């Protein structure tokens, strides 16, 4: 059965958090269905075989991030990993305090968990979404701080954060640093400057159902009751799918190999997008820096239009894009990331190019976008733009 002409015309420019599944990851998943279908907590041969596969997946991930196998836990989702990291690390250090320091552009999962853990000390960012290091250092030095959180890169506007400087400041204050590398691992190098680390294999082509939470030895974490009561996995009771864990490890290995291979060709494609969108769409605000960013992410906002209307119209034209914050778009809330940057939140479009995106894809999108935006404005009675 061949693809229909309509399907062949589709251009997917929304791979953030859910990239197309890699063939190698799919093959690993299917192979593990035969060998790893059993419950790895069982003592029989099938259970021990599943346990060996699961431990192998954890070992492979640990090698990728420079951790020991026992420091790596597998969560059922990236959101669960972030919630678990914040809540259990804060609880483990509750005698010190209940305040969590985080940048204003962290994922909602981090900000919400910080408030649930006690209190959130939010640190400002500049107009590109980059952390104010001096303000961060002041915040982590305050009494009662149990944890600090800084994303490695922002998945919405692409800004790389000064993680090494943040880690130095947190270490000087005796505060562990949670680094969310869910949007950056497999796209740019991720260094060893972290105490707690999360990865999102789905962002690099794994099947959904597994995320990574790594914790350095010496960082105290404590389960939040009743989670973990009576379960072998006290952090994520019930565990994860063994085949999905194998697929996640394979996808992360492939992503790391791509980064090690050299410059990402998507950098040039995003540069092309930035230039054409800014030049060809009236009243548009392109967010984030031109340098010091992820290679595959671009966000822009169009004045006088609704983001959902733009996304829907582009979808009808054959383009898959996103709008709003990556973690709030389903609720149609304005992006808290753009708001923290002081950027325009109206008519937001977010692009995250999958591996294999082409110049032809980008040019087709750029050719269609001005007419789509103009039609929406015209329907709204705005004829002077």
Protein backbone atom coordinates (compact mmCIF):
# COMPACT_ATOMS: atom_id res chain seq x y z
CA UNK A 1 0.00 0.00 0.00
CA UNK A 2 1.48 3.36 -1.01
CA UNK A 3 1.01 6.75 0.56
CA UNK A 4 -1.76 8.88 -0.86
CA UNK A 5 -0.83 12.08 -2.69
CA UNK A 6 -2.21 14.10 0.25
CA UNK A 7 0.00 12.21 2.71
CA UNK A 8 3.04 12.67 0.48
CA UNK A 9 2.58 16.43 0.61
CA UNK A 10 2.75 16.58 4.41
CA UNK A 11 5.70 18.44 5.95
CA UNK A 12 6.22 17.71 9.64
CA UNK A 13 7.95 20.52 11.51
CA UNK A 14 6.83 19.54 15.00
CA UNK A 15 9.11 16.86 16.47
CA UNK A 16 9.62 18.31 19.94
CA UNK A 17 9.10 15.64 22.59
CA UNK A 18 7.65 13.21 20.06
CA UNK A 19 9.99 12.71 17.14
CA UNK A 20 9.27 10.16 14.41
CA UNK A 21 10.20 6.72 15.72
CA UNK A 22 13.66 5.63 14.58
CA UNK A 23 13.72 2.36 12.62
CA UNK A 24 16.42 1.03 14.96
CA UNK A 25 14.30 1.86 18.01
CA UNK A 26 11.28 0.15 16.48
CA UNK A 27 13.38 -2.95 15.69
CA UNK A 28 14.72 -3.05 19.27
CA UNK A 29 11.19 -2.77 20.63
CA UNK A 30 9.86 -5.59 18.46
CA UNK A 31 12.81 -7.85 19.22
CA UNK A 32 12.41 -7.25 22.96
CA UNK A 33 8.73 -8.21 22.78
CA UNK A 34 9.86 -11.79 22.25
CA UNK A 35 12.56 -11.84 24.93
CA UNK A 36 11.43 -9.19 27.43
CA UNK A 37 7.67 -9.62 27.65
CA UNK A 38 7.73 -10.98 31.21
CA UNK A 39 7.63 -9.03 34.49
CA UNK A 40 11.28 -8.34 35.42
CA UNK A 41 10.36 -8.73 39.09
CA UNK A 42 9.59 -12.42 38.64
CA UNK A 43 12.16 -15.05 39.65
CA UNK A 44 11.53 -17.50 36.82
CA UNK A 45 13.65 -17.74 33.69
CA UNK A 46 11.45 -15.42 31.63
CA UNK A 47 11.41 -12.82 34.38
CA UNK A 48 15.19 -12.99 34.80
CA UNK A 49 15.59 -12.58 31.04
CA UNK A 50 13.44 -9.45 31.12
CA UNK A 51 15.43 -8.16 34.11
CA UNK A 52 18.68 -8.63 32.20
CA UNK A 53 17.32 -6.63 29.27
CA UNK A 54 16.09 -3.85 31.55
CA UNK A 55 19.42 -3.67 33.37
CA UNK A 56 21.18 -3.59 30.01
CA UNK A 57 19.11 -0.61 28.93
CA UNK A 58 19.95 1.24 32.16
CA UNK A 59 23.64 0.39 31.73
CA UNK A 60 23.64 1.75 28.17
CA UNK A 61 21.97 5.00 29.25
CA UNK A 62 24.37 5.37 32.18
CA UNK A 63 27.34 5.12 29.82
CA UNK A 64 25.90 7.89 27.65
CA UNK A 65 25.60 10.40 30.53
CA UNK A 66 28.70 9.43 32.51
CA UNK A 67 26.85 7.83 35.41
CA UNK A 68 26.84 4.47 37.14
CA UNK A 69 24.06 2.03 36.30
CA UNK A 70 22.64 2.21 39.82
CA UNK A 71 22.35 6.00 39.46
CA UNK A 72 19.91 5.67 36.55
CA UNK A 73 16.16 5.26 37.07
CA UNK A 74 13.58 4.84 34.31
CA UNK A 75 10.32 6.78 34.54
CA UNK A 76 7.09 6.31 32.56
CA UNK A 77 7.30 9.82 31.06
CA UNK A 78 9.50 12.90 31.05
CA UNK A 79 6.91 14.78 33.07
CA UNK A 80 6.95 12.01 35.69
CA UNK A 81 10.75 12.13 35.77
CA UNK A 82 10.74 15.89 36.39
CA UNK A 83 8.02 15.69 39.03
CA UNK A 84 9.82 12.82 40.71
CA UNK A 85 13.17 14.58 40.62
CA UNK A 86 11.89 17.78 42.22
CA UNK A 87 9.59 16.22 44.81
CA UNK A 88 11.94 13.47 45.98
CA UNK A 89 15.08 15.63 46.04
CA UNK A 90 13.27 18.39 47.92
CA UNK A 91 11.86 15.85 50.36
CA UNK A 92 15.28 14.30 50.83
CA UNK A 93 16.66 17.68 51.91
CA UNK A 94 13.59 18.95 53.77
CA UNK A 95 15.58 19.46 56.98
CA UNK A 96 17.55 22.12 55.14
CA UNK A 97 14.46 23.82 53.72
CA UNK A 98 11.63 23.55 51.22
CA UNK A 99 12.52 26.25 48.70
CA UNK A 100 13.31 25.28 45.11
CA UNK A 101 15.17 27.72 42.83
CA UNK A 102 14.25 27.55 39.14
CA UNK A 103 14.46 29.76 36.09
CA UNK A 104 11.26 31.43 34.92
CA UNK A 105 11.37 29.43 31.67
CA UNK A 106 11.53 25.91 33.13
CA UNK A 107 8.87 23.44 32.08
CA UNK A 108 5.58 23.66 33.93
CA UNK A 109 6.30 20.23 35.40
CA UNK A 110 9.29 21.70 37.27
CA UNK A 111 7.59 24.92 38.33
CA UNK A 112 4.45 23.15 39.55
CA UNK A 113 6.43 20.49 41.41
CA UNK A 114 8.57 23.19 43.06
CA UNK A 115 5.45 24.90 44.39
CA UNK A 116 4.09 21.57 45.59
CA UNK A 117 7.37 20.80 47.36
CA UNK A 118 7.25 24.04 49.36
CA UNK A 119 8.01 27.32 47.69
CA UNK A 120 9.34 28.37 44.29
CA UNK A 121 12.09 30.97 43.99
CA UNK A 122 11.82 32.00 40.35
CA UNK A 123 14.86 33.53 38.67
CA UNK A 124 14.47 35.97 35.79
CA UNK A 125 15.78 35.55 32.27
CA UNK A 126 16.82 38.06 29.60
CA UNK A 127 15.00 38.86 26.36
CA UNK A 128 16.49 35.74 24.74
CA UNK A 129 15.32 33.49 27.58
CA UNK A 130 18.81 33.10 29.05
CA UNK A 131 19.20 32.70 32.79
CA UNK A 132 20.47 35.65 34.84
CA UNK A 133 23.43 33.91 36.48
CA UNK A 134 24.02 36.58 39.11
CA UNK A 135 20.38 36.44 40.23
CA UNK A 136 20.56 32.64 40.23
CA UNK A 137 23.68 32.65 42.42
CA UNK A 138 21.97 35.01 44.87
CA UNK A 139 18.88 32.79 44.98
CA UNK A 140 20.68 29.49 45.64
CA UNK A 141 22.72 31.11 48.40
CA UNK A 142 19.60 31.94 50.42
CA UNK A 143 18.84 29.88 53.53
CA UNK A 144 16.39 27.01 53.16
CA UNK A 145 17.05 26.08 49.51
CA UNK A 146 16.72 22.34 48.96
CA UNK A 147 17.17 22.14 45.19
CA UNK A 148 17.93 24.23 42.11
CA UNK A 149 16.68 23.52 38.59
CA UNK A 150 17.98 24.78 35.25
CA UNK A 151 17.10 23.39 31.85
CA UNK A 152 20.02 22.60 29.59
CA UNK A 153 18.20 24.30 26.72
CA UNK A 154 14.72 25.67 26.26
CA UNK A 155 12.68 23.48 23.96
CA UNK A 156 10.37 26.30 22.97
CA UNK A 157 12.78 29.03 21.82
CA UNK A 158 16.01 27.00 21.65
CA UNK A 159 18.10 29.03 24.10
CA UNK A 160 21.08 27.18 25.57
CA UNK A 161 21.44 27.93 29.27
CA UNK A 162 24.72 28.65 31.14
CA UNK A 163 24.55 25.30 32.91
CA UNK A 164 28.23 25.16 33.89
CA UNK A 165 28.00 28.54 35.63
CA UNK A 166 24.75 27.54 37.33
CA UNK A 167 26.35 24.30 38.53
CA UNK A 168 29.31 26.21 39.98
CA UNK A 169 26.96 28.57 41.83
CA UNK A 170 24.83 25.73 43.15
CA UNK A 171 27.86 23.75 44.25
CA UNK A 172 29.28 26.77 46.07
CA UNK A 173 25.99 27.01 47.96
CA UNK A 174 25.87 23.29 48.69
CA UNK A 175 22.65 22.85 46.67
CA UNK A 176 22.16 20.00 44.15
CA UNK A 177 21.34 21.08 40.60
CA UNK A 178 18.64 19.39 38.52
CA UNK A 179 19.36 19.76 34.80
CA UNK A 180 16.51 19.08 32.39
CA UNK A 181 18.16 17.91 29.18
CA UNK A 182 14.93 16.63 27.67
CA UNK A 183 15.08 19.04 24.72
CA UNK A 184 18.83 19.05 24.19
CA UNK A 185 20.27 15.54 24.54
CA UNK A 186 20.83 14.21 21.05
CA UNK A 187 20.84 17.69 19.51
CA UNK A 188 23.81 19.33 21.28
CA UNK A 189 26.49 18.00 23.66
CA UNK A 190 25.37 17.64 27.29
CA UNK A 191 28.24 17.89 29.76
CA UNK A 192 28.79 16.47 33.26
CA UNK A 193 27.65 19.63 35.08
CA UNK A 194 24.64 18.18 36.87
CA UNK A 195 23.66 16.45 40.09
CA UNK A 196 20.26 15.24 38.91
CA UNK A 197 19.54 14.83 35.19
CA UNK A 198 16.47 14.07 33.09
CA UNK A 199 16.34 12.91 29.47
CA UNK A 200 13.39 12.42 27.13
CA UNK A 201 14.04 9.54 24.68
CA UNK A 202 10.81 10.36 22.84
CA UNK A 203 12.42 13.62 21.72
CA UNK A 204 14.99 11.65 19.72
CA UNK A 205 12.84 8.93 18.21
CA UNK A 206 12.02 6.41 20.95
CA UNK A 207 8.58 5.01 21.52
CA UNK A 208 6.62 6.72 24.30
CA UNK A 209 6.55 5.26 27.79
CA UNK A 210 10.10 5.72 29.11
CA UNK A 211 12.16 8.66 30.35
CA UNK A 212 15.42 8.90 32.26
CA UNK A 213 16.20 10.25 35.72
CA UNK A 214 19.84 10.04 36.78
CA UNK A 215 21.00 11.01 40.27
CA UNK A 216 24.62 11.38 41.34
CA UNK A 217 25.72 9.45 44.38
CA UNK A 218 25.58 11.74 47.38
CA UNK A 219 22.36 13.51 46.38
CA UNK A 220 19.78 12.62 48.96
CA UNK A 221 16.30 11.76 47.66
CA UNK A 222 13.35 10.45 49.59
CA UNK A 223 10.17 8.86 48.18
CA UNK A 224 6.96 10.81 48.60
CA UNK A 225 4.40 8.65 50.45
CA UNK A 226 2.59 6.52 49.52
CA UNK A 227 4.64 6.18 46.33
CA UNK A 228 6.90 3.16 46.41
CA UNK A 229 5.17 1.45 49.34
CA UNK A 230 5.59 -2.28 48.80
CA UNK A 231 6.97 -1.87 45.26
CA UNK A 232 10.44 -2.84 44.13
CA UNK A 233 10.76 0.50 42.32
CA UNK A 234 10.22 3.05 45.06
CA UNK A 235 10.65 6.00 42.70
CA UNK A 236 8.26 4.94 39.93
CA UNK A 237 6.08 2.12 41.25
CA UNK A 238 5.07 -0.41 38.65
CA UNK A 239 8.19 0.17 36.58
CA UNK A 240 8.30 0.63 32.81
CA UNK A 241 7.88 -1.50 29.72
CA UNK A 242 11.03 -3.53 29.11
CA UNK A 243 10.71 -3.35 25.28
CA UNK A 244 10.17 0.42 25.51
CA UNK A 245 13.26 0.73 27.73
CA UNK A 246 15.36 -1.10 25.13
CA UNK A 247 14.00 1.15 22.38
CA UNK A 248 14.77 4.23 24.49
CA UNK A 249 18.37 3.17 25.01
CA UNK A 250 18.83 2.53 21.28
CA UNK A 251 17.32 5.91 20.35
CA UNK A 252 19.51 7.76 22.86
CA UNK A 253 22.63 5.96 21.59
CA UNK A 254 21.79 6.91 17.99
CA UNK A 255 21.16 10.52 19.02
CA UNK A 256 24.46 10.74 20.88
CA UNK A 257 26.26 9.34 17.83
CA UNK A 258 24.69 12.04 15.63
CA UNK A 259 25.94 14.76 17.95
CA UNK A 260 29.43 13.25 18.02
CA UNK A 261 29.49 13.04 14.21
CA UNK A 262 29.72 16.81 13.80
CA UNK A 263 27.66 19.91 12.97
CA UNK A 264 23.90 19.47 12.67
CA UNK A 265 22.59 20.43 9.19
CA UNK A 266 19.38 21.70 10.80
CA UNK A 267 21.29 24.75 12.07
CA UNK A 268 21.41 26.14 8.54
CA UNK A 269 17.73 25.33 7.98
CA UNK A 270 16.69 27.25 11.10
CA UNK A 271 18.90 30.17 10.03
CA UNK A 272 17.05 30.14 6.71
CA UNK A 273 13.70 30.04 8.49
CA UNK A 274 14.62 32.92 10.80
CA UNK A 275 15.65 35.12 7.90
CA UNK A 276 12.68 34.39 5.65
CA UNK A 277 10.00 34.56 8.35
CA UNK A 278 11.32 37.92 9.58
CA UNK A 279 11.56 39.31 6.06
CA UNK A 280 8.38 37.96 4.49
CA UNK A 281 5.71 38.07 7.23
CA UNK A 282 4.66 41.58 8.35
CA UNK A 283 4.40 42.28 12.09
CA UNK A 284 6.21 39.16 13.27
CA UNK A 285 8.43 38.66 16.32
CA UNK A 286 11.07 35.93 16.06
CA UNK A 287 11.95 34.76 19.57
CA UNK A 288 15.21 33.48 20.97
CA UNK A 289 18.85 34.07 20.05
CA UNK A 290 20.42 33.60 16.64
CA UNK A 291 23.46 32.01 18.31
CA UNK A 292 23.82 29.83 21.38
CA UNK A 293 20.70 27.82 20.62
CA UNK A 294 19.45 24.38 19.74
CA UNK A 295 19.95 23.52 16.06
CA UNK A 296 16.36 22.56 15.29
CA UNK A 297 14.01 24.89 17.19
CA UNK A 298 12.40 28.18 16.16
CA UNK A 299 9.50 30.13 17.63
CA UNK A 300 7.86 33.24 16.22
CA UNK A 301 4.69 35.18 16.95
CA UNK A 302 2.42 36.95 14.49
CA UNK A 303 0.62 40.05 15.68
CA UNK A 304 -3.18 40.28 15.29
CA UNK A 305 -3.75 36.55 14.77
CA UNK A 306 -4.55 33.59 17.00
CA UNK A 307 -1.92 30.87 17.25
CA UNK A 308 -4.46 28.07 17.02
CA UNK A 309 -5.88 29.60 13.85
CA UNK A 310 -2.41 29.70 12.26
CA UNK A 311 -1.66 26.10 13.25
CA UNK A 312 -5.01 24.89 11.93
CA UNK A 313 -4.64 26.76 8.63
CA UNK A 314 -1.10 25.45 8.16
CA UNK A 315 -2.30 21.93 8.94
CA UNK A 316 -4.89 22.23 6.16
CA UNK A 317 -2.09 23.40 3.88
CA UNK A 318 -0.04 20.29 4.69
CA UNK A 319 2.27 21.49 7.48
CA UNK A 320 2.44 20.11 11.03
CA UNK A 321 3.57 22.83 13.46
CA UNK A 322 2.82 23.67 17.11
CA UNK A 323 1.68 26.74 18.99
CA UNK A 324 2.11 28.01 22.53
CA UNK A 325 4.25 26.50 25.24
CA UNK A 326 5.24 22.89 24.67
CA UNK A 327 3.66 21.96 28.01
CA UNK A 328 0.55 24.17 27.91
CA UNK A 329 -0.47 24.32 24.25
CA UNK A 330 -3.33 21.86 24.79
CA UNK A 331 -4.93 24.31 27.22
CA UNK A 332 -4.46 27.26 24.83
CA UNK A 333 -2.71 29.23 27.57
CA UNK A 334 -0.18 31.90 26.56
CA UNK A 335 3.40 30.69 26.68
CA UNK A 336 4.92 31.39 30.10
CA UNK A 337 8.33 31.17 28.40
CA UNK A 338 7.62 34.00 25.96
CA UNK A 339 5.97 36.02 28.72
CA UNK A 340 9.06 35.67 30.94
CA UNK A 341 11.21 36.89 28.04
CA UNK A 342 8.96 39.89 27.44
CA UNK A 343 8.25 38.57 23.94
CA UNK A 344 4.99 38.63 22.00
CA UNK A 345 2.75 35.69 22.92
CA UNK A 346 -0.02 36.31 20.40
CA UNK A 347 -0.20 34.18 17.24
CA UNK A 348 2.66 31.93 18.36
CA UNK A 349 4.08 29.23 16.08
CA UNK A 350 6.73 26.78 17.30
CA UNK A 351 8.83 24.69 14.94
CA UNK A 352 11.04 21.76 15.93
CA UNK A 353 12.61 20.20 12.87
CA UNK A 354 12.97 16.40 12.83
CA UNK A 355 16.19 14.75 11.77
CA UNK A 356 16.11 14.54 7.99
CA UNK A 357 14.25 17.80 7.42
CA UNK A 358 15.24 19.32 4.08
CA UNK A 359 15.74 22.71 2.52
CA UNK A 360 12.78 21.94 0.26
CA UNK A 361 10.58 21.42 3.34
CA UNK A 362 11.67 24.75 4.76
CA UNK A 363 11.16 26.61 1.48
CA UNK A 364 7.68 25.14 1.02
CA UNK A 365 6.75 26.26 4.52
CA UNK A 366 8.19 29.75 4.02
CA UNK A 367 6.33 30.09 0.72
CA UNK A 368 3.00 29.16 2.32
CA UNK A 369 3.26 31.04 5.63
CA UNK A 370 2.80 34.67 4.48
CA UNK A 371 -0.40 33.83 2.60
CA UNK A 372 -1.80 31.85 5.55
CA UNK A 373 -1.20 34.70 7.98
CA UNK A 374 -2.50 37.30 5.54
CA UNK A 375 -5.72 35.33 4.99
CA UNK A 376 -6.38 35.08 8.73
CA UNK A 377 -5.80 38.79 9.17
CA UNK A 378 -8.00 39.57 6.19
CA UNK A 379 -10.84 37.44 7.59
CA UNK A 380 -10.49 39.39 10.83
CA UNK A 381 -10.94 42.66 8.96
CA UNK A 382 -7.28 43.70 9.05
CA UNK A 383 -6.55 44.78 5.50
CA UNK A 384 -3.67 47.19 6.05
CA UNK A 385 -1.01 44.59 6.88
